Amino acid sequence: WLCPTAAFTSVPLHAAHPYQTKADGSKEPCLEDLYICSYTPTLSALVRSRRMMNERVPPSFVAIGQGRPGAGKGKALLAVDSELEVSRKLVPSTATHTSISGDAVTRAGALEAMEKSTWVHLACHGKQDPTQPYNSHFVMKDEHLTLLHIETQA
């Protein structure tokens, strides 16, 4: 589990690569070759989620993908649909899986799906606000989904 703080919250730690090539031309293994990286916002959130697992809460997973956020909200993300498909294949069969994408990915729709799920994967544009961290957001079809929205409503 990765629990970055301070300046490290804006560094994509999961993408850490040594970018080294062996003498035979093959790549040295990197972090994503060895581990599945997951983030937790706080250690207490991780502890809480572990407790829920012990209470046998049935797992549920939602994949939210917004590859075409609309004019002025960022470039199209062409791999979102394939990313959602990969996430579907990786979710254990014991978990309920839901996927929303395209025009259905509104702020209200994302919050509703998050509220009903124990795990969430977002495939969309995002932006950090280092001066007002709770204003950091994910880009939905209609309105931004801020961390404050997630914290208070999901």
C-alpha atoms as a PDB file:
ATOM      1  CA  TRP A   1       0.000   0.000   0.000  1.00  0.00           C
ATOM      2  CA  LEU A   2       1.179   3.489  -0.837  1.00  0.00           C
ATOM      3  CA  CYS A   3       0.275   6.327   1.531  1.00  0.00           C
ATOM      4  CA  PRO A   4       2.023   9.411   0.165  1.00  0.00           C
ATOM      5  CA  THR A   5       2.051  12.664   2.089  1.00  0.00           C
ATOM      6  CA  ALA A   6       3.079  16.273   1.435  1.00  0.00           C
ATOM      7  CA  ALA A   7       4.793  16.769  -1.942  1.00  0.00           C
ATOM      8  CA  PHE A   8       4.679  13.027  -2.690  1.00  0.00           C
ATOM      9  CA  THR A   9       0.898  13.191  -3.143  1.00  0.00           C
ATOM     10  CA  SER A  10       1.476  14.706  -6.579  1.00  0.00           C
ATOM     11  CA  VAL A  11       4.034  12.108  -7.657  1.00  0.00           C
ATOM     12  CA  PRO A  12       2.684   9.009  -9.464  1.00  0.00           C
ATOM     13  CA  LEU A  13       4.568   6.561  -7.244  1.00  0.00           C
ATOM     14  CA  HIS A  14       2.894   3.568  -8.897  1.00  0.00           C
ATOM     15  CA  ALA A  15       4.664   4.475 -12.138  1.00  0.00           C
ATOM     16  CA  ALA A  16       8.169   4.396 -10.645  1.00  0.00           C
ATOM     17  CA  HIS A  17      10.579   2.875 -13.149  1.00  0.00           C
ATOM     18  CA  PRO A  18      14.335   2.435 -13.059  1.00  0.00           C
ATOM     19  CA  TYR A  19      14.325   2.686 -16.884  1.00  0.00           C
ATOM     20  CA  GLN A  20      17.370   0.474 -17.084  1.00  0.00           C
ATOM     21  CA  THR A  21      18.111  -1.999 -19.820  1.00  0.00           C
ATOM     22  CA  LYS A  22      20.138  -5.173 -19.359  1.00  0.00           C
ATOM     23  CA  ALA A  23      23.085  -6.014 -21.624  1.00  0.00           C
ATOM     24  CA  ASP A  24      20.846  -8.359 -23.653  1.00  0.00           C
ATOM     25  CA  GLY A  25      18.392  -5.500 -24.346  1.00  0.00           C
ATOM     26  CA  SER A  26      15.669  -6.640 -21.970  1.00  0.00           C
ATOM     27  CA  LYS A  27      14.223  -4.316 -19.347  1.00  0.00           C
ATOM     28  CA  GLU A  28      14.989  -4.477 -15.654  1.00  0.00           C
ATOM     29  CA  PRO A  29      11.794  -5.234 -13.714  1.00  0.00           C
ATOM     30  CA  CYS A  30      10.090  -2.144 -12.350  1.00  0.00           C
ATOM     31  CA  LEU A  31       7.619  -1.637  -9.506  1.00  0.00           C
ATOM     32  CA  GLU A  32       4.532  -2.401 -11.601  1.00  0.00           C
ATOM     33  CA  ASP A  33       6.121  -5.648 -12.834  1.00  0.00           C
ATOM     34  CA  LEU A  34       6.531  -6.859  -9.261  1.00  0.00           C
ATOM     35  CA  TYR A  35       3.553  -5.480  -7.333  1.00  0.00           C
ATOM     36  CA  ILE A  36      -0.009  -4.270  -7.710  1.00  0.00           C
ATOM     37  CA  CYS A  37       0.122  -0.797  -6.197  1.00  0.00           C
ATOM     38  CA  SER A  38      -2.823   0.595  -4.302  1.00  0.00           C
ATOM     39  CA  TYR A  39      -3.129   3.942  -2.600  1.00  0.00           C
ATOM     40  CA  THR A  40      -4.708   4.767   0.726  1.00  0.00           C
ATOM     41  CA  PRO A  41      -5.395   8.365   1.734  1.00  0.00           C
ATOM     42  CA  THR A  42      -4.554   7.655   5.382  1.00  0.00           C
ATOM     43  CA  LEU A  43      -3.412   4.702   7.415  1.00  0.00           C
ATOM     44  CA  SER A  44      -6.640   4.883   9.428  1.00  0.00           C
ATOM     45  CA  ALA A  45      -8.622   4.420   6.183  1.00  0.00           C
ATOM     46  CA  LEU A  46      -6.593   1.290   5.463  1.00  0.00           C
ATOM     47  CA  VAL A  47      -7.225  -0.049   8.986  1.00  0.00           C
ATOM     48  CA  ARG A  48     -10.960   0.692   8.614  1.00  0.00           C
ATOM     49  CA  SER A  49     -11.140  -1.144   5.312  1.00  0.00           C
ATOM     50  CA  ARG A  50      -9.338  -4.146   6.801  1.00  0.00           C
ATOM     51  CA  ARG A  51     -11.872  -4.229   9.641  1.00  0.00           C
ATOM     52  CA  MET A  52     -14.700  -4.259   7.095  1.00  0.00           C
ATOM     53  CA  MET A  53     -13.093  -7.274   5.442  1.00  0.00           C
ATOM     54  CA  ASN A  54     -13.076  -9.083   8.787  1.00  0.00           C
ATOM     55  CA  GLU A  55     -16.780  -8.259   9.234  1.00  0.00           C
ATOM     56  CA  ARG A  56     -17.493 -10.090   5.970  1.00  0.00           C
ATOM     57  CA  VAL A  57     -18.933  -7.134   4.101  1.00  0.00           C
ATOM     58  CA  PRO A  58     -19.490  -8.462   0.570  1.00  0.00           C
ATOM     59  CA  PRO A  59     -16.963  -6.736  -1.717  1.00  0.00           C
ATOM     60  CA  SER A  60     -18.185  -4.530  -4.519  1.00  0.00           C
ATOM     61  CA  PHE A  61     -16.180  -2.747  -7.185  1.00  0.00           C
ATOM     62  CA  VAL A  62     -17.011   0.150  -9.466  1.00  0.00           C
ATOM     63  CA  ALA A  63     -14.896   1.234 -12.425  1.00  0.00           C
ATOM     64  CA  ILE A  64     -15.605   4.804 -13.508  1.00  0.00           C
ATOM     65  CA  GLY A  65     -14.208   5.881 -16.855  1.00  0.00           C
ATOM     66  CA  GLN A  66     -14.470   9.237 -18.582  1.00  0.00           C
ATOM     67  CA  GLY A  67     -12.396   9.244 -21.747  1.00  0.00           C
ATOM     68  CA  ARG A  68     -14.156  12.181 -23.433  1.00  0.00           C
ATOM     69  CA  PRO A  69     -14.678  14.837 -20.785  1.00  0.00           C
ATOM     70  CA  GLY A  70     -16.024  17.520 -23.114  1.00  0.00           C
ATOM     71  CA  ALA A  71     -14.807  20.770 -24.590  1.00  0.00           C
ATOM     72  CA  GLY A  72     -12.202  22.601 -22.552  1.00  0.00           C
ATOM     73  CA  LYS A  73     -11.884  19.841 -19.949  1.00  0.00           C
ATOM     74  CA  GLY A  74      -8.915  17.954 -21.385  1.00  0.00           C
ATOM     75  CA  LYS A  75      -7.882  15.793 -24.300  1.00  0.00           C
ATOM     76  CA  ALA A  76      -9.583  12.515 -25.047  1.00  0.00           C
ATOM     77  CA  LEU A  77      -8.160   9.546 -23.155  1.00  0.00           C
ATOM     78  CA  LEU A  78      -8.245   6.809 -25.772  1.00  0.00           C
ATOM     79  CA  ALA A  79      -7.370   3.858 -23.503  1.00  0.00           C
ATOM     80  CA  VAL A  80     -10.154   4.334 -20.927  1.00  0.00           C
ATOM     81  CA  ASP A  81     -12.436   1.609 -22.308  1.00  0.00           C
ATOM     82  CA  SER A  82      -9.626  -0.949 -22.448  1.00  0.00           C
ATOM     83  CA  GLU A  83      -8.552   0.073 -18.924  1.00  0.00           C
ATOM     84  CA  LEU A  84     -12.088  -0.566 -17.651  1.00  0.00           C
ATOM     85  CA  GLU A  85     -12.076  -3.969 -19.345  1.00  0.00           C
ATOM     86  CA  VAL A  86      -8.743  -4.889 -17.736  1.00  0.00           C
ATOM     87  CA  SER A  87     -10.024  -3.801 -14.324  1.00  0.00           C
ATOM     88  CA  ARG A  88     -13.112  -5.987 -14.827  1.00  0.00           C
ATOM     89  CA  LYS A  89     -10.925  -9.008 -15.508  1.00  0.00           C
ATOM     90  CA  LEU A  90      -8.787  -8.366 -12.431  1.00  0.00           C
ATOM     91  CA  VAL A  91     -11.636  -8.023  -9.934  1.00  0.00           C
ATOM     92  CA  PRO A  92     -12.208 -11.249  -7.989  1.00  0.00           C
ATOM     93  CA  SER A  93     -15.312 -13.183  -8.975  1.00  0.00           C
ATOM     94  CA  THR A  94     -16.546 -12.871  -5.375  1.00  0.00           C
ATOM     95  CA  ALA A  95     -17.000  -9.111  -5.834  1.00  0.00           C
ATOM     96  CA  THR A  96     -19.944  -7.412  -7.491  1.00  0.00           C
ATOM     97  CA  HIS A  97     -18.595  -5.424 -10.437  1.00  0.00           C
ATOM     98  CA  THR A  98     -20.152  -2.281 -11.882  1.00  0.00           C
ATOM     99  CA  SER A  99     -18.768  -0.102 -14.645  1.00  0.00           C
ATOM    100  CA  ILE A 100     -19.936   3.330 -15.756  1.00  0.00           C
ATOM    101  CA  SER A 101     -18.510   5.314 -18.635  1.00  0.00           C
ATOM    102  CA  GLY A 102     -19.198   7.984 -21.195  1.00  0.00           C
ATOM    103  CA  ASP A 103     -22.161  10.316 -20.674  1.00  0.00           C
ATOM    104  CA  ALA A 104     -23.213   8.395 -17.534  1.00  0.00           C
ATOM    105  CA  VAL A 105     -20.090   9.615 -15.732  1.00  0.00           C
ATOM    106  CA  THR A 106     -21.513  12.663 -14.011  1.00  0.00           C
ATOM    107  CA  ARG A 107     -20.509  13.911 -10.583  1.00  0.00           C
ATOM    108  CA  ALA A 108     -23.790  12.685  -9.057  1.00  0.00           C
ATOM    109  CA  GLY A 109     -23.526   9.319 -10.840  1.00  0.00           C
ATOM    110  CA  ALA A 110     -19.944   8.784  -9.699  1.00  0.00           C
ATOM    111  CA  LEU A 111     -20.785   9.692  -6.096  1.00  0.00           C
ATOM    112  CA  GLU A 112     -23.769   7.342  -6.076  1.00  0.00           C
ATOM    113  CA  ALA A 113     -21.664   4.484  -7.459  1.00  0.00           C
ATOM    114  CA  MET A 114     -18.866   5.156  -4.959  1.00  0.00           C
ATOM    115  CA  GLU A 115     -21.315   5.173  -2.063  1.00  0.00           C
ATOM    116  CA  LYS A 116     -22.448   1.655  -2.972  1.00  0.00           C
ATOM    117  CA  SER A 117     -18.952   0.205  -3.494  1.00  0.00           C
ATOM    118  CA  THR A 118     -16.103  -0.941  -1.302  1.00  0.00           C
ATOM    119  CA  TRP A 119     -13.516  -0.476  -4.089  1.00  0.00           C
ATOM    120  CA  VAL A 120     -13.332   2.137  -6.826  1.00  0.00           C
ATOM    121  CA  HIS A 121     -11.138   2.665  -9.887  1.00  0.00           C
ATOM    122  CA  LEU A 122     -11.171   6.003 -11.720  1.00  0.00           C
ATOM    123  CA  ALA A 123      -9.926   6.275 -15.288  1.00  0.00           C
ATOM    124  CA  CYS A 124     -10.194   9.955 -16.172  1.00  0.00           C
ATOM    125  CA  HIS A 125      -8.389  13.279 -16.078  1.00  0.00           C
ATOM    126  CA  GLY A 126      -7.583  14.679 -12.665  1.00  0.00           C
ATOM    127  CA  LYS A 127      -6.006  17.814 -11.329  1.00  0.00           C
ATOM    128  CA  GLN A 128      -4.350  18.523  -8.009  1.00  0.00           C
ATOM    129  CA  ASP A 129      -4.682  21.823  -6.221  1.00  0.00           C
ATOM    130  CA  PRO A 130      -1.618  22.098  -3.964  1.00  0.00           C
ATOM    131  CA  THR A 131      -2.899  25.239  -2.239  1.00  0.00           C
ATOM    132  CA  GLN A 132      -6.427  23.884  -1.575  1.00  0.00           C
ATOM    133  CA  PRO A 133      -6.056  20.071  -1.589  1.00  0.00           C
ATOM    134  CA  TYR A 134      -9.791  19.399  -1.132  1.00  0.00           C
ATOM    135  CA  ASN A 135     -10.352  21.246  -4.442  1.00  0.00           C
ATOM    136  CA  SER A 136      -8.239  18.647  -6.252  1.00  0.00           C
ATOM    137  CA  HIS A 137     -10.602  16.909  -8.622  1.00  0.00           C
ATOM    138  CA  PHE A 138     -11.441  14.263 -11.185  1.00  0.00           C
ATOM    139  CA  VAL A 139     -13.024  15.419 -14.452  1.00  0.00           C
ATOM    140  CA  MET A 140     -16.545  14.118 -14.982  1.00  0.00           C
ATOM    141  CA  LYS A 141     -18.836  14.779 -17.950  1.00  0.00           C
ATOM    142  CA  ASP A 142     -20.720  17.611 -16.238  1.00  0.00           C
ATOM    143  CA  GLU A 143     -18.932  18.920 -13.137  1.00  0.00           C
ATOM    144  CA  HIS A 144     -15.661  18.260 -11.360  1.00  0.00           C
ATOM    145  CA  LEU A 145     -15.673  15.595  -8.663  1.00  0.00           C
ATOM    146  CA  THR A 146     -13.561  17.113  -5.888  1.00  0.00           C
ATOM    147  CA  LEU A 147     -11.946  15.321  -2.986  1.00  0.00           C
ATOM    148  CA  LEU A 148     -14.271  17.275  -0.738  1.00  0.00           C
ATOM    149  CA  HIS A 149     -17.289  15.793  -2.560  1.00  0.00           C
ATOM    150  CA  ILE A 150     -15.854  12.298  -2.120  1.00  0.00           C
ATOM    151  CA  GLU A 151     -15.025  12.881   1.546  1.00  0.00           C
ATOM    152  CA  THR A 152     -18.421  14.307   2.460  1.00  0.00           C
ATOM    153  CA  GLN A 153     -20.815  12.487   0.130  1.00  0.00           C
ATOM    154  CA  ALA A 154     -19.416   9.104  -0.874  1.00  0.00           C
END
